[in-house]
C-alpha atoms as a PDB file:
ATOM      1  CA  PHE A   1       0.000   0.000   0.000  1.00  0.00           C
ATOM      2  CA  SER A   2       2.856   2.421   0.627  1.00  0.00           C
ATOM      3  CA  VAL A   3       3.560   2.735  -3.124  1.00  0.00           C
ATOM      4  CA  PHE A   4      -0.125   3.521  -3.706  1.00  0.00           C
ATOM      5  CA  PHE A   5      -0.093   6.236  -1.039  1.00  0.00           C
ATOM      6  CA  LYS A   6       3.103   7.765  -2.457  1.00  0.00           C
ATOM      7  CA  VAL A   7       1.685   7.891  -5.989  1.00  0.00           C
ATOM      8  CA  ARG A   8      -1.589   9.287  -4.657  1.00  0.00           C
ATOM      9  CA  ALA A   9       0.177  11.978  -2.620  1.00  0.00           C
ATOM     10  CA  ASP A  10       2.288  12.951  -5.653  1.00  0.00           C
ATOM     11  CA  ARG A  11      -0.780  13.298  -7.869  1.00  0.00           C
ATOM     12  CA  MET A  12      -2.664  15.280  -5.248  1.00  0.00           C
ATOM     13  CA  ALA A  13       0.298  17.655  -4.928  1.00  0.00           C
ATOM     14  CA  LEU A  14       0.416  18.074  -8.708  1.00  0.00           C
ATOM     15  CA  VAL A  15      -3.292  18.924  -8.921  1.00  0.00           C
ATOM     16  CA  ARG A  16      -3.073  21.214  -5.882  1.00  0.00           C
ATOM     17  CA  GLY A  17      -0.224  23.122  -7.539  1.00  0.00           C
ATOM     18  CA  ILE A  18      -2.218  23.558 -10.745  1.00  0.00           C
ATOM     19  CA  VAL A  19      -5.403  24.636  -8.968  1.00  0.00           C
ATOM     20  CA  ASP A  20      -3.599  27.011  -6.618  1.00  0.00           C
ATOM     21  CA  GLY A  21      -2.109  28.820  -9.602  1.00  0.00           C
ATOM     22  CA  LEU A  22      -5.372  29.380 -11.478  1.00  0.00           C
ATOM     23  CA  THR A  23      -6.784  32.872 -11.799  1.00  0.00           C
ATOM     24  CA  ALA A  24     -10.466  33.775 -12.125  1.00  0.00           C
ATOM     25  CA  THR A  25      -9.883  34.397 -15.833  1.00  0.00           C
ATOM     26  CA  GLU A  26      -8.333  30.965 -16.300  1.00  0.00           C
ATOM     27  CA  LEU A  27     -11.196  29.308 -14.397  1.00  0.00           C
ATOM     28  CA  ALA A  28     -13.700  31.030 -16.696  1.00  0.00           C
ATOM     29  CA  ARG A  29     -11.855  29.979 -19.889  1.00  0.00           C
ATOM     30  CA  THR A  30     -13.952  27.659 -22.011  1.00  0.00           C
ATOM     31  CA  CYS A  31     -12.866  24.243 -23.203  1.00  0.00           C
ATOM     32  CA  THR A  32     -14.427  22.141 -25.916  1.00  0.00           C
ATOM     33  CA  ARG A  33     -14.618  18.472 -25.090  1.00  0.00           C
ATOM     34  CA  SER A  34     -13.554  16.115 -27.828  1.00  0.00           C
ATOM     35  CA  PRO A  35     -16.616  14.327 -29.151  1.00  0.00           C
ATOM     36  CA  ALA A  36     -16.994  10.739 -28.010  1.00  0.00           C
ATOM     37  CA  PRO A  37     -19.584   8.131 -28.982  1.00  0.00           C
ATOM     38  CA  GLY A  38     -22.838   8.919 -27.212  1.00  0.00           C
ATOM     39  CA  TYR A  39     -21.684  12.331 -25.960  1.00  0.00           C
ATOM     40  CA  PRO A  40     -22.282  15.558 -27.874  1.00  0.00           C
ATOM     41  CA  GLU A  41     -19.581  18.156 -28.363  1.00  0.00           C
ATOM     42  CA  GLU A  42     -19.946  20.603 -25.480  1.00  0.00           C
ATOM     43  CA  THR A  43     -18.227  23.714 -24.242  1.00  0.00           C
ATOM     44  CA  ARG A  44     -17.547  24.038 -20.514  1.00  0.00           C
ATOM     45  CA  SER A  45     -15.409  26.289 -18.365  1.00  0.00           C
ATOM     46  CA  VAL A  46     -12.203  25.132 -16.737  1.00  0.00           C
ATOM     47  CA  GLY A  47     -13.949  25.709 -13.396  1.00  0.00           C
ATOM     48  CA  GLU A  48     -16.818  23.399 -14.373  1.00  0.00           C
ATOM     49  CA  CYS A  49     -14.349  20.719 -15.459  1.00  0.00           C
ATOM     50  CA  LEU A  50     -12.497  21.010 -12.155  1.00  0.00           C
ATOM     51  CA  GLY A  51     -15.824  20.752 -10.338  1.00  0.00           C
ATOM     52  CA  VAL A  52     -16.452  17.385 -12.006  1.00  0.00           C
ATOM     53  CA  VAL A  53     -12.970  16.175 -11.058  1.00  0.00           C
ATOM     54  CA  MET A  54     -13.473  17.249  -7.436  1.00  0.00           C
ATOM     55  CA  GLU A  55     -16.906  15.615  -7.241  1.00  0.00           C
ATOM     56  CA  GLU A  56     -15.471  12.363  -8.589  1.00  0.00           C
ATOM     57  CA  GLU A  57     -12.648  12.570  -6.059  1.00  0.00           C
ATOM     58  CA  CYS A  58     -15.145  12.951  -3.204  1.00  0.00           C
ATOM     59  CA  GLU A  59     -17.176   9.974  -4.417  1.00  0.00           C
ATOM     60  CA  HIS A  60     -14.075   7.770  -4.779  1.00  0.00           C
ATOM     61  CA  HIS A  61     -13.003   8.736  -1.271  1.00  0.00           C
ATOM     62  CA  ARG A  62     -16.454   7.969   0.125  1.00  0.00           C
ATOM     63  CA  PHE A  63     -16.427   4.480  -1.406  1.00  0.00           C
ATOM     64  CA  ALA A  64     -12.840   3.815  -0.291  1.00  0.00           C
ATOM     65  CA  VAL A  65     -13.635   4.777   3.305  1.00  0.00           C
ATOM     66  CA  ARG A  66     -16.781   2.656   3.250  1.00  0.00           C
ATOM     67  CA  ASP A  67     -14.985  -0.358   1.808  1.00  0.00           C
ATOM     68  CA  LEU A  68     -12.069  -0.017   4.237  1.00  0.00           C
ATOM     69  CA  ALA A  69     -14.518   0.076   7.152  1.00  0.00           C
ATOM     70  CA  LEU A  70     -16.185  -3.089   5.845  1.00  0.00           C
ATOM     71  CA  LEU A  71     -12.835  -4.864   5.496  1.00  0.00           C
ATOM     72  CA  GLN A  72     -11.767  -3.830   8.984  1.00  0.00           C
ATOM     73  CA  ALA A  73     -15.088  -5.025  10.450  1.00  0.00           C
ATOM     74  CA  SER A  74     -14.755  -8.516   8.976  1.00  0.00           C
END
């Protein structure tokens, strides 16, 4: 597990550094998502994209904590 935690900490630090350096103008900049089967081409702001990433992170954490609690209880 220690390798996992090291990789995770490194990635979190990378994202934190990127987010910390963003200005309001950069957060408002629009991005066009590459079309993918079943998904239309859409334009979203950098801030909206980061919001999706953060929401996914919270959900992954919630499931990891839940699953760890279940493993520890058994």
